[in-house]
Amino acid sequence: CIRDRPNADLNQLALADITHRASQINTSGPFSDIQATLNNQSTQAQLLPNLKVSLYGSDKLIGAFIAAPDDYLLSPQKQLTAQGQKQLWFTVPVENRQISTVTIEPIY
């Protein structure tokens, strides 16, 4: 039934609290941890999106990647509950001091 399908409305998803720091997960080299919160602002469940993560240093792009839900969640899930939120965590092979800004954009 069409009504049973979760919504996929990017306008209802927002990212907040995006931070980066020297990695506490992989301390064997030049790695950084990126954290953020994905918020569903809708009163309906939303499909979990892929995320386009871009790293900037000194006003230029130094790296970007697309993360599927399996890449940013510890357990397999397909949707974000109504008005729910998920904590996201990525470890990237870039020295934290090289990163000035991180942007994360949900995409389907």
C-alpha atoms as a PDB file:
ATOM      1  CA  CYS A   1       0.000   0.000   0.000  1.00  0.00           C
ATOM      2  CA  ILE A   2       1.339   3.443  -0.894  1.00  0.00           C
ATOM      3  CA  ARG A   3       0.396   4.798   2.521  1.00  0.00           C
ATOM      4  CA  ASP A   4       2.768   2.370   4.219  1.00  0.00           C
ATOM      5  CA  ARG A   5       5.799   3.776   2.420  1.00  0.00           C
ATOM      6  CA  PRO A   6       7.955   6.097   4.503  1.00  0.00           C
ATOM      7  CA  ASN A   7       8.370   9.648   3.263  1.00  0.00           C
ATOM      8  CA  ALA A   8      11.485  10.874   1.484  1.00  0.00           C
ATOM      9  CA  ASP A   9      11.264  14.645   1.897  1.00  0.00           C
ATOM     10  CA  LEU A  10      14.683  16.296   2.070  1.00  0.00           C
ATOM     11  CA  ASN A  11      13.052  19.545   3.197  1.00  0.00           C
ATOM     12  CA  GLN A  12      12.149  17.840   6.479  1.00  0.00           C
ATOM     13  CA  LEU A  13      15.716  16.757   7.256  1.00  0.00           C
ATOM     14  CA  ALA A  14      18.273  19.042   8.886  1.00  0.00           C
ATOM     15  CA  LEU A  15      21.828  18.551  10.098  1.00  0.00           C
ATOM     16  CA  ALA A  16      23.022  20.218  13.280  1.00  0.00           C
ATOM     17  CA  ASP A  17      26.002  20.241  15.628  1.00  0.00           C
ATOM     18  CA  ILE A  18      28.539  19.402  12.908  1.00  0.00           C
ATOM     19  CA  THR A  19      31.965  19.143  14.546  1.00  0.00           C
ATOM     20  CA  HIS A  20      35.388  17.695  13.756  1.00  0.00           C
ATOM     21  CA  ARG A  21      38.360  16.773  15.909  1.00  0.00           C
ATOM     22  CA  ALA A  22      41.490  14.634  15.893  1.00  0.00           C
ATOM     23  CA  SER A  23      40.334  11.023  15.775  1.00  0.00           C
ATOM     24  CA  GLN A  24      39.799   9.182  19.009  1.00  0.00           C
ATOM     25  CA  ILE A  25      38.883   6.034  17.062  1.00  0.00           C
ATOM     26  CA  ASN A  26      41.915   5.729  14.778  1.00  0.00           C
ATOM     27  CA  THR A  27      44.940   7.225  16.492  1.00  0.00           C
ATOM     28  CA  SER A  28      47.526   5.474  14.296  1.00  0.00           C
ATOM     29  CA  GLY A  29      47.823   8.283  11.760  1.00  0.00           C
ATOM     30  CA  PRO A  30      46.370  11.527  10.405  1.00  0.00           C
ATOM     31  CA  PHE A  31      42.671  10.798  10.989  1.00  0.00           C
ATOM     32  CA  SER A  32      39.775  13.011  12.060  1.00  0.00           C
ATOM     33  CA  ASP A  33      36.370  12.244  13.551  1.00  0.00           C
ATOM     34  CA  ILE A  34      33.351  14.092  12.200  1.00  0.00           C
ATOM     35  CA  GLN A  35      30.174  14.176  14.264  1.00  0.00           C
ATOM     36  CA  ALA A  36      26.725  15.587  13.525  1.00  0.00           C
ATOM     37  CA  THR A  37      23.051  15.168  14.361  1.00  0.00           C
ATOM     38  CA  LEU A  38      20.483  14.321  11.673  1.00  0.00           C
ATOM     39  CA  ASN A  39      17.056  15.695  12.634  1.00  0.00           C
ATOM     40  CA  ASN A  40      13.691  14.731  11.134  1.00  0.00           C
ATOM     41  CA  GLN A  41      11.512  17.825  11.532  1.00  0.00           C
ATOM     42  CA  SER A  42       8.443  16.055  10.128  1.00  0.00           C
ATOM     43  CA  THR A  43       5.566  14.451  12.018  1.00  0.00           C
ATOM     44  CA  GLN A  44       6.068  11.447   9.711  1.00  0.00           C
ATOM     45  CA  ALA A  45       8.922   8.950   9.456  1.00  0.00           C
ATOM     46  CA  GLN A  46      11.473   9.686   6.714  1.00  0.00           C
ATOM     47  CA  LEU A  47      13.685   7.332   4.748  1.00  0.00           C
ATOM     48  CA  LEU A  48      17.264   7.674   5.917  1.00  0.00           C
ATOM     49  CA  PRO A  49      19.172   9.565   3.221  1.00  0.00           C
ATOM     50  CA  ASN A  50      22.613   9.159   1.786  1.00  0.00           C
ATOM     51  CA  LEU A  51      24.859  11.978   2.982  1.00  0.00           C
ATOM     52  CA  LYS A  52      27.268  14.054   0.914  1.00  0.00           C
ATOM     53  CA  VAL A  53      30.108  14.985   3.263  1.00  0.00           C
ATOM     54  CA  SER A  54      32.501  17.723   2.116  1.00  0.00           C
ATOM     55  CA  LEU A  55      35.701  18.751   3.907  1.00  0.00           C
ATOM     56  CA  TYR A  56      37.142  22.210   3.363  1.00  0.00           C
ATOM     57  CA  GLY A  57      40.476  23.681   4.339  1.00  0.00           C
ATOM     58  CA  SER A  58      41.592  27.258   3.700  1.00  0.00           C
ATOM     59  CA  ASP A  59      38.478  27.950   1.606  1.00  0.00           C
ATOM     60  CA  LYS A  60      39.017  25.055  -0.792  1.00  0.00           C
ATOM     61  CA  LEU A  61      37.548  21.575  -1.031  1.00  0.00           C
ATOM     62  CA  ILE A  62      40.033  18.994   0.237  1.00  0.00           C
ATOM     63  CA  GLY A  63      37.786  15.928   0.134  1.00  0.00           C
ATOM     64  CA  ALA A  64      34.228  14.708  -0.309  1.00  0.00           C
ATOM     65  CA  PHE A  65      32.384  11.405  -0.121  1.00  0.00           C
ATOM     66  CA  ILE A  66      28.887   9.950  -0.157  1.00  0.00           C
ATOM     67  CA  ALA A  67      27.864   7.901   2.886  1.00  0.00           C
ATOM     68  CA  ALA A  68      24.949   5.463   2.720  1.00  0.00           C
ATOM     69  CA  PRO A  69      22.957   4.749   5.913  1.00  0.00           C
ATOM     70  CA  ASP A  70      24.969   1.545   6.451  1.00  0.00           C
ATOM     71  CA  ASP A  71      28.108   3.716   6.536  1.00  0.00           C
ATOM     72  CA  TYR A  72      26.894   6.039   9.301  1.00  0.00           C
ATOM     73  CA  LEU A  73      24.711   3.782  11.468  1.00  0.00           C
ATOM     74  CA  LEU A  74      25.819   0.998  13.779  1.00  0.00           C
ATOM     75  CA  SER A  75      22.762  -1.161  13.098  1.00  0.00           C
ATOM     76  CA  PRO A  76      20.779  -1.563   9.875  1.00  0.00           C
ATOM     77  CA  GLN A  77      17.878   0.864   9.734  1.00  0.00           C
ATOM     78  CA  LYS A  78      15.819   2.257   6.879  1.00  0.00           C
ATOM     79  CA  GLN A  79      14.026   5.237   8.370  1.00  0.00           C
ATOM     80  CA  LEU A  80      14.202   8.024  10.918  1.00  0.00           C
ATOM     81  CA  THR A  81      11.189   8.229  13.212  1.00  0.00           C
ATOM     82  CA  ALA A  82       8.860  11.220  13.204  1.00  0.00           C
ATOM     83  CA  GLN A  83      10.639  14.157  14.834  1.00  0.00           C
ATOM     84  CA  GLY A  84      13.503  11.812  15.659  1.00  0.00           C
ATOM     85  CA  GLN A  85      17.231  12.328  15.463  1.00  0.00           C
ATOM     86  CA  LYS A  86      20.340  10.251  14.855  1.00  0.00           C
ATOM     87  CA  GLN A  87      23.897  10.901  15.914  1.00  0.00           C
ATOM     88  CA  LEU A  88      26.332  10.473  13.020  1.00  0.00           C
ATOM     89  CA  TRP A  89      30.031   9.701  13.261  1.00  0.00           C
ATOM     90  CA  PHE A  90      32.634   9.344  10.519  1.00  0.00           C
ATOM     91  CA  THR A  91      36.369   8.811  10.727  1.00  0.00           C
ATOM     92  CA  VAL A  92      38.234  10.236   7.743  1.00  0.00           C
ATOM     93  CA  PRO A  93      41.907   9.977   6.686  1.00  0.00           C
ATOM     94  CA  VAL A  94      42.583  13.711   6.922  1.00  0.00           C
ATOM     95  CA  GLU A  95      44.516  15.509   9.668  1.00  0.00           C
ATOM     96  CA  ASN A  96      42.140  17.605  11.765  1.00  0.00           C
ATOM     97  CA  ARG A  97      44.308  20.720  11.519  1.00  0.00           C
ATOM     98  CA  GLN A  98      43.814  20.670   7.719  1.00  0.00           C
ATOM     99  CA  ILE A  99      40.013  20.885   8.094  1.00  0.00           C
ATOM    100  CA  SER A 100      38.420  24.290   8.558  1.00  0.00           C
ATOM    101  CA  THR A 101      34.798  23.446   7.699  1.00  0.00           C
ATOM    102  CA  VAL A 102      32.661  20.351   7.197  1.00  0.00           C
ATOM    103  CA  THR A 103      29.346  20.397   5.354  1.00  0.00           C
ATOM    104  CA  ILE A 104      26.881  17.511   5.250  1.00  0.00           C
ATOM    105  CA  GLU A 105      23.995  17.445   2.801  1.00  0.00           C
ATOM    106  CA  PRO A 106      21.257  14.772   2.771  1.00  0.00           C
ATOM    107  CA  ILE A 107      20.523  13.339  -0.687  1.00  0.00           C
ATOM    108  CA  TYR A 108      18.346  10.556  -2.125  1.00  0.00           C
END
